[in-house]
Amino acid sequence: MRDIAERTGLPQPYLEQILLALKGAGLVRSKRGVGGGYVLAKNPADIKLSDIISAVDGPITVGDFGQPHQDGACDHEGQCVLLAIWDIAGQHMREHLDTYTLEAIARAATGAGEWPSATFHHHGH
């Protein structure tokens, strides 16, 4: 636990909260005894970035705007259009985050794998 704090530069209480959330989501489990701490409960290839984020942050929503035309979420038509766009953006974000696994992220971080890039795959070219 302390080594994670040192390596990430994050305060330990904050890390504890994150690890507890991940544990609650079944992504890590605690290991007792000497050299104990937290270990992954699943294969890194089976843990998606979206799983981690929703465990720590609650389900991903872009700003929690709610659906357009519901409980008076928007007062102006223009606002409704934006809410609808925002809603789709949130969906894309979730889908995009679903494409990253912990394994892929670790590989990129250590230089063993491909770095995420913003080149979009155009269909039908």
N, C-alpha and C. Protein backbone atom coordinates (compact mmCIF):
# COMPACT_ATOMS: atom_id res chain seq x y z
N MET A 1 0.84 -1.19 0.00
CA MET A 1 0.00 0.00 0.00
C MET A 1 0.88 1.25 0.00
N ARG A 2 1.90 1.25 0.87
CA ARG A 2 2.76 2.42 0.95
C ARG A 2 3.54 2.59 -0.35
N ASP A 3 3.93 1.46 -0.95
CA ASP A 3 4.69 1.58 -2.20
C ASP A 3 3.83 2.17 -3.32
N ILE A 4 2.53 1.85 -3.31
CA ILE A 4 1.65 2.45 -4.33
C ILE A 4 1.60 3.96 -4.10
N ALA A 5 1.47 4.34 -2.83
CA ALA A 5 1.39 5.76 -2.49
C ALA A 5 2.65 6.48 -2.98
N GLU A 6 3.81 5.85 -2.76
CA GLU A 6 5.06 6.47 -3.18
C GLU A 6 5.15 6.54 -4.70
N ARG A 7 4.75 5.45 -5.36
CA ARG A 7 4.90 5.41 -6.81
C ARG A 7 3.93 6.33 -7.53
N THR A 8 2.76 6.55 -6.95
CA THR A 8 1.77 7.37 -7.65
C THR A 8 1.76 8.80 -7.12
N GLY A 9 2.36 9.00 -5.96
CA GLY A 9 2.33 10.31 -5.35
C GLY A 9 0.95 10.68 -4.82
N LEU A 10 0.11 9.66 -4.61
CA LEU A 10 -1.23 9.93 -4.08
C LEU A 10 -1.23 9.74 -2.57
N PRO A 11 -2.02 10.56 -1.87
CA PRO A 11 -2.11 10.38 -0.41
C PRO A 11 -2.73 9.02 -0.06
N GLN A 12 -2.22 8.41 0.99
CA GLN A 12 -2.66 7.07 1.35
C GLN A 12 -4.15 6.93 1.65
N PRO A 13 -4.75 7.89 2.40
CA PRO A 13 -6.19 7.75 2.68
C PRO A 13 -7.02 7.72 1.40
N TYR A 14 -6.60 8.52 0.43
CA TYR A 14 -7.29 8.59 -0.85
C TYR A 14 -7.17 7.24 -1.57
N LEU A 15 -5.97 6.68 -1.54
CA LEU A 15 -5.73 5.38 -2.14
C LEU A 15 -6.56 4.29 -1.48
N GLU A 16 -6.62 4.35 -0.14
CA GLU A 16 -7.42 3.37 0.60
C GLU A 16 -8.85 3.34 0.07
N GLN A 17 -9.41 4.55 -0.12
CA GLN A 17 -10.79 4.67 -0.59
C GLN A 17 -10.94 4.03 -1.97
N ILE A 18 -9.97 4.31 -2.84
CA ILE A 18 -10.02 3.76 -4.19
C ILE A 18 -9.95 2.24 -4.13
N LEU A 19 -9.03 1.72 -3.34
CA LEU A 19 -8.86 0.28 -3.25
C LEU A 19 -10.09 -0.39 -2.65
N LEU A 20 -10.70 0.27 -1.66
CA LEU A 20 -11.92 -0.28 -1.08
C LEU A 20 -13.03 -0.33 -2.12
N ALA A 21 -13.11 0.72 -2.94
CA ALA A 21 -14.13 0.75 -3.99
C ALA A 21 -13.87 -0.36 -5.00
N LEU A 22 -12.62 -0.55 -5.36
CA LEU A 22 -12.26 -1.60 -6.32
C LEU A 22 -12.55 -2.97 -5.73
N LYS A 23 -12.33 -3.08 -4.42
CA LYS A 23 -12.59 -4.34 -3.75
C LYS A 23 -14.08 -4.63 -3.74
N GLY A 24 -14.87 -3.58 -3.48
CA GLY A 24 -16.31 -3.72 -3.48
C GLY A 24 -16.84 -4.15 -4.84
N ALA A 25 -16.14 -3.71 -5.90
CA ALA A 25 -16.57 -4.05 -7.25
C ALA A 25 -16.00 -5.41 -7.68
N GLY A 26 -15.24 -6.03 -6.78
CA GLY A 26 -14.70 -7.35 -7.08
C GLY A 26 -13.51 -7.30 -8.04
N LEU A 27 -12.86 -6.15 -8.13
CA LEU A 27 -11.72 -6.05 -9.04
C LEU A 27 -10.40 -6.38 -8.36
N VAL A 28 -10.33 -6.09 -7.07
CA VAL A 28 -9.15 -6.50 -6.30
C VAL A 28 -9.62 -7.22 -5.04
N ARG A 29 -8.72 -7.96 -4.44
CA ARG A 29 -9.04 -8.55 -3.14
C ARG A 29 -7.85 -8.31 -2.22
N SER A 30 -8.12 -8.31 -0.93
CA SER A 30 -7.02 -8.04 -0.01
C SER A 30 -6.34 -9.35 0.37
N LYS A 31 -5.04 -9.24 0.55
CA LYS A 31 -4.23 -10.40 0.88
C LYS A 31 -3.65 -10.15 2.26
N ARG A 32 -3.87 -11.08 3.16
CA ARG A 32 -3.36 -10.88 4.51
C ARG A 32 -1.94 -11.40 4.64
N GLY A 33 -1.34 -11.08 5.79
CA GLY A 33 -0.04 -11.67 6.10
C GLY A 33 1.11 -10.82 5.59
N VAL A 34 2.30 -11.41 5.67
CA VAL A 34 3.51 -10.71 5.28
C VAL A 34 3.44 -10.38 3.78
N GLY A 35 3.81 -9.16 3.45
CA GLY A 35 3.74 -8.75 2.05
C GLY A 35 2.31 -8.71 1.56
N GLY A 36 1.39 -8.57 2.50
CA GLY A 36 -0.02 -8.51 2.13
C GLY A 36 -0.34 -7.19 1.46
N GLY A 37 -1.60 -6.97 1.22
CA GLY A 37 -2.01 -5.76 0.53
C GLY A 37 -3.14 -6.12 -0.39
N TYR A 38 -3.11 -5.57 -1.57
CA TYR A 38 -4.19 -5.85 -2.51
C TYR A 38 -3.64 -6.56 -3.74
N VAL A 39 -4.37 -7.54 -4.19
CA VAL A 39 -4.01 -8.20 -5.44
C VAL A 39 -5.22 -8.15 -6.37
N LEU A 40 -4.97 -8.22 -7.66
CA LEU A 40 -6.06 -8.23 -8.61
C LEU A 40 -6.90 -9.49 -8.41
N ALA A 41 -8.21 -9.33 -8.46
CA ALA A 41 -9.09 -10.48 -8.29
C ALA A 41 -9.39 -11.13 -9.63
N LYS A 42 -9.01 -10.44 -10.70
CA LYS A 42 -9.29 -10.95 -12.04
C LYS A 42 -8.03 -10.82 -12.88
N ASN A 43 -8.06 -11.45 -14.03
CA ASN A 43 -7.01 -11.29 -15.00
C ASN A 43 -7.03 -9.85 -15.52
N PRO A 44 -5.85 -9.21 -15.62
CA PRO A 44 -5.81 -7.82 -16.12
C PRO A 44 -6.51 -7.66 -17.47
N ALA A 45 -6.51 -8.73 -18.26
CA ALA A 45 -7.15 -8.66 -19.57
C ALA A 45 -8.68 -8.65 -19.44
N ASP A 46 -9.17 -9.03 -18.25
CA ASP A 46 -10.62 -9.08 -18.03
C ASP A 46 -11.15 -7.84 -17.31
N ILE A 47 -10.23 -6.94 -16.96
CA ILE A 47 -10.65 -5.73 -16.26
C ILE A 47 -10.63 -4.58 -17.25
N LYS A 48 -11.81 -4.00 -17.47
CA LYS A 48 -11.89 -2.89 -18.42
C LYS A 48 -11.75 -1.57 -17.69
N LEU A 49 -11.22 -0.58 -18.40
CA LEU A 49 -11.05 0.73 -17.82
C LEU A 49 -12.39 1.26 -17.31
N SER A 50 -13.46 0.97 -18.06
CA SER A 50 -14.78 1.46 -17.64
C SER A 50 -15.20 0.81 -16.31
N ASP A 51 -14.78 -0.45 -16.08
CA ASP A 51 -15.10 -1.12 -14.80
C ASP A 51 -14.45 -0.37 -13.65
N ILE A 52 -13.19 0.00 -13.87
CA ILE A 52 -12.43 0.67 -12.81
C ILE A 52 -13.06 2.02 -12.50
N ILE A 53 -13.36 2.76 -13.57
CA ILE A 53 -13.91 4.09 -13.37
C ILE A 53 -15.28 4.04 -12.70
N SER A 54 -16.13 3.09 -13.14
CA SER A 54 -17.45 3.06 -12.51
C SER A 54 -17.37 2.56 -11.08
N ALA A 55 -16.35 1.75 -10.78
CA ALA A 55 -16.18 1.29 -9.39
C ALA A 55 -15.81 2.47 -8.50
N VAL A 56 -14.93 3.31 -8.99
CA VAL A 56 -14.40 4.39 -8.17
C VAL A 56 -15.31 5.60 -8.17
N ASP A 57 -15.98 5.81 -9.29
CA ASP A 57 -16.64 7.08 -9.53
C ASP A 57 -18.14 6.94 -9.70
N GLY A 58 -18.65 5.72 -9.58
CA GLY A 58 -20.05 5.52 -9.91
C GLY A 58 -20.13 5.41 -11.42
N PRO A 59 -21.25 4.94 -11.94
CA PRO A 59 -21.37 4.75 -13.38
C PRO A 59 -21.03 6.04 -14.11
N ILE A 60 -20.37 5.90 -15.24
CA ILE A 60 -19.90 7.08 -15.96
C ILE A 60 -21.07 7.83 -16.57
N THR A 61 -21.13 9.12 -16.24
CA THR A 61 -22.11 9.95 -16.91
C THR A 61 -21.40 11.26 -17.17
N VAL A 62 -21.68 11.86 -18.29
CA VAL A 62 -21.06 13.15 -18.54
C VAL A 62 -21.92 14.19 -17.86
N GLY A 63 -21.53 14.59 -16.67
CA GLY A 63 -22.23 15.65 -15.98
C GLY A 63 -23.61 15.32 -15.45
N ASP A 64 -24.02 14.06 -15.57
CA ASP A 64 -25.31 13.66 -14.99
C ASP A 64 -26.45 14.57 -15.39
N PHE A 65 -26.66 14.76 -16.67
CA PHE A 65 -27.68 15.72 -17.08
C PHE A 65 -29.09 15.15 -17.16
N GLY A 66 -29.18 13.84 -17.17
CA GLY A 66 -30.52 13.29 -17.33
C GLY A 66 -30.95 13.38 -18.78
N GLN A 67 -32.05 12.74 -19.09
CA GLN A 67 -32.54 12.72 -20.46
C GLN A 67 -33.21 14.04 -20.82
N PRO A 68 -33.07 14.45 -22.07
CA PRO A 68 -33.78 15.65 -22.52
C PRO A 68 -35.29 15.43 -22.33
N HIS A 69 -35.99 16.48 -22.13
CA HIS A 69 -37.45 16.45 -21.98
C HIS A 69 -37.91 15.55 -20.83
N GLN A 70 -37.11 15.49 -19.79
CA GLN A 70 -37.56 14.74 -18.61
C GLN A 70 -37.43 15.64 -17.41
N ASP A 71 -38.33 15.49 -16.50
CA ASP A 71 -38.39 16.31 -15.28
C ASP A 71 -37.76 17.70 -15.46
N GLY A 72 -38.17 18.37 -16.52
CA GLY A 72 -37.76 19.76 -16.72
C GLY A 72 -36.28 19.97 -16.74
N ALA A 73 -35.53 18.98 -17.28
CA ALA A 73 -34.07 19.10 -17.28
C ALA A 73 -33.63 20.27 -18.15
N CYS A 74 -34.43 20.62 -19.16
CA CYS A 74 -34.02 21.75 -19.98
C CYS A 74 -35.18 22.71 -20.22
N ASP A 75 -34.84 23.98 -20.19
CA ASP A 75 -35.87 25.01 -20.32
C ASP A 75 -35.94 25.52 -21.75
N HIS A 76 -34.90 25.33 -22.51
CA HIS A 76 -34.87 25.87 -23.87
C HIS A 76 -34.63 24.75 -24.86
N GLU A 77 -35.16 24.90 -26.05
CA GLU A 77 -34.97 23.88 -27.07
C GLU A 77 -33.49 23.65 -27.36
N GLY A 78 -32.73 24.75 -27.46
CA GLY A 78 -31.30 24.64 -27.77
C GLY A 78 -30.59 23.79 -26.72
N GLN A 79 -31.01 23.96 -25.50
CA GLN A 79 -30.42 23.21 -24.41
C GLN A 79 -30.73 21.72 -24.57
N CYS A 80 -31.94 21.43 -25.02
CA CYS A 80 -32.34 20.03 -25.20
C CYS A 80 -31.46 19.34 -26.24
N VAL A 81 -31.17 20.06 -27.32
CA VAL A 81 -30.31 19.50 -28.36
C VAL A 81 -28.95 19.17 -27.76
N LEU A 82 -28.41 20.10 -26.99
CA LEU A 82 -27.10 19.89 -26.37
C LEU A 82 -27.13 18.71 -25.42
N LEU A 83 -28.22 18.60 -24.66
CA LEU A 83 -28.33 17.47 -23.73
C LEU A 83 -28.32 16.15 -24.48
N ALA A 84 -29.01 16.13 -25.62
CA ALA A 84 -29.05 14.91 -26.42
C ALA A 84 -27.66 14.57 -26.94
N ILE A 85 -26.92 15.60 -27.39
CA ILE A 85 -25.56 15.39 -27.89
C ILE A 85 -24.66 14.88 -26.76
N TRP A 86 -24.83 15.50 -25.61
CA TRP A 86 -24.04 15.15 -24.43
C TRP A 86 -24.27 13.69 -24.04
N ASP A 87 -25.53 13.29 -24.16
CA ASP A 87 -25.92 11.94 -23.83
C ASP A 87 -25.19 10.94 -24.73
N ILE A 88 -25.13 11.26 -26.02
CA ILE A 88 -24.45 10.39 -26.98
C ILE A 88 -22.95 10.40 -26.71
N ALA A 89 -22.43 11.58 -26.36
CA ALA A 89 -21.00 11.68 -26.04
C ALA A 89 -20.66 10.75 -24.88
N GLY A 90 -21.54 10.73 -23.88
CA GLY A 90 -21.33 9.86 -22.73
C GLY A 90 -21.32 8.40 -23.13
N GLN A 91 -22.21 8.05 -24.06
CA GLN A 91 -22.26 6.67 -24.54
C GLN A 91 -20.97 6.29 -25.26
N HIS A 92 -20.50 7.21 -26.11
CA HIS A 92 -19.25 6.97 -26.84
C HIS A 92 -18.09 6.81 -25.87
N MET A 93 -18.11 7.65 -24.83
CA MET A 93 -17.04 7.60 -23.86
C MET A 93 -17.02 6.24 -23.18
N ARG A 94 -18.21 5.77 -22.78
CA ARG A 94 -18.28 4.45 -22.15
C ARG A 94 -17.78 3.37 -23.09
N GLU A 95 -18.22 3.44 -24.35
CA GLU A 95 -17.80 2.41 -25.31
C GLU A 95 -16.30 2.46 -25.53
N HIS A 96 -15.77 3.68 -25.61
CA HIS A 96 -14.34 3.84 -25.82
C HIS A 96 -13.56 3.28 -24.64
N LEU A 97 -14.00 3.59 -23.43
CA LEU A 97 -13.31 3.10 -22.24
C LEU A 97 -13.41 1.59 -22.12
N ASP A 98 -14.49 1.03 -22.70
CA ASP A 98 -14.64 -0.42 -22.70
C ASP A 98 -13.58 -1.10 -23.54
N THR A 99 -12.96 -0.35 -24.47
CA THR A 99 -11.99 -0.97 -25.35
C THR A 99 -10.62 -1.10 -24.70
N TYR A 100 -10.42 -0.45 -23.57
CA TYR A 100 -9.13 -0.57 -22.88
C TYR A 100 -9.23 -1.56 -21.73
N THR A 101 -8.28 -2.46 -21.66
CA THR A 101 -8.21 -3.35 -20.51
C THR A 101 -7.02 -2.93 -19.67
N LEU A 102 -7.01 -3.38 -18.45
CA LEU A 102 -5.91 -3.08 -17.55
C LEU A 102 -4.60 -3.59 -18.15
N GLU A 103 -4.69 -4.75 -18.79
CA GLU A 103 -3.51 -5.32 -19.42
C GLU A 103 -2.95 -4.39 -20.50
N ALA A 104 -3.84 -3.88 -21.35
CA ALA A 104 -3.41 -3.00 -22.43
C ALA A 104 -2.79 -1.71 -21.88
N ILE A 105 -3.39 -1.19 -20.81
CA ILE A 105 -2.91 0.05 -20.21
C ILE A 105 -1.52 -0.18 -19.60
N ALA A 106 -1.38 -1.31 -18.91
CA ALA A 106 -0.09 -1.63 -18.29
C ALA A 106 0.99 -1.80 -19.35
N ARG A 107 0.62 -2.43 -20.46
CA ARG A 107 1.58 -2.63 -21.54
C ARG A 107 2.02 -1.30 -22.13
N ALA A 108 1.07 -0.40 -22.31
CA ALA A 108 1.41 0.92 -22.86
C ALA A 108 2.30 1.68 -21.88
N ALA A 109 1.97 1.55 -20.58
CA ALA A 109 2.71 2.30 -19.57
C ALA A 109 4.15 1.83 -19.47
N THR A 110 4.38 0.55 -19.71
CA THR A 110 5.74 0.03 -19.59
C THR A 110 6.47 0.04 -20.93
N GLY A 111 5.78 0.53 -21.95
CA GLY A 111 6.42 0.61 -23.25
C GLY A 111 6.36 -0.69 -24.03
N ALA A 112 5.64 -1.68 -23.48
CA ALA A 112 5.57 -2.98 -24.16
C ALA A 112 4.46 -3.02 -25.20
N GLY A 113 3.50 -2.14 -25.03
CA GLY A 113 2.36 -2.18 -25.93
C GLY A 113 2.15 -0.87 -26.65
N GLU A 114 1.09 -0.80 -27.40
CA GLU A 114 0.82 0.38 -28.20
C GLU A 114 0.25 1.50 -27.35
N TRP A 115 0.70 2.69 -27.62
CA TRP A 115 0.21 3.87 -26.92
C TRP A 115 -1.15 4.24 -27.51
N PRO A 116 -2.13 4.60 -26.65
CA PRO A 116 -3.44 4.97 -27.19
C PRO A 116 -3.29 6.20 -28.08
N SER A 117 -3.88 6.19 -29.25
CA SER A 117 -3.80 7.37 -30.09
C SER A 117 -5.19 7.71 -30.60
N ALA A 118 -5.34 8.94 -31.01
CA ALA A 118 -6.66 9.41 -31.38
C ALA A 118 -6.96 9.20 -32.86
N THR A 119 -6.33 8.22 -33.46
CA THR A 119 -6.67 7.97 -34.86
C THR A 119 -7.93 7.15 -34.89
N PHE A 120 -8.93 7.66 -35.53
CA PHE A 120 -10.20 6.95 -35.58
C PHE A 120 -10.21 6.03 -36.78
N HIS A 121 -10.83 4.90 -36.62
CA HIS A 121 -10.92 3.96 -37.73
C HIS A 121 -12.16 4.33 -38.54
N HIS A 122 -11.93 4.78 -39.76
CA HIS A 122 -13.07 5.13 -40.61
C HIS A 122 -13.54 3.88 -41.30
N HIS A 123 -14.83 3.68 -41.31
CA HIS A 123 -15.36 2.49 -41.94
C HIS A 123 -15.57 2.74 -43.43
N GLY A 124 -15.34 1.73 -44.22
CA GLY A 124 -15.66 1.78 -45.63
C GLY A 124 -14.68 2.56 -46.48
N HIS A 125 -13.44 2.75 -45.99
CA HIS A 125 -12.44 3.40 -46.85
C HIS A 125 -11.54 2.38 -47.50
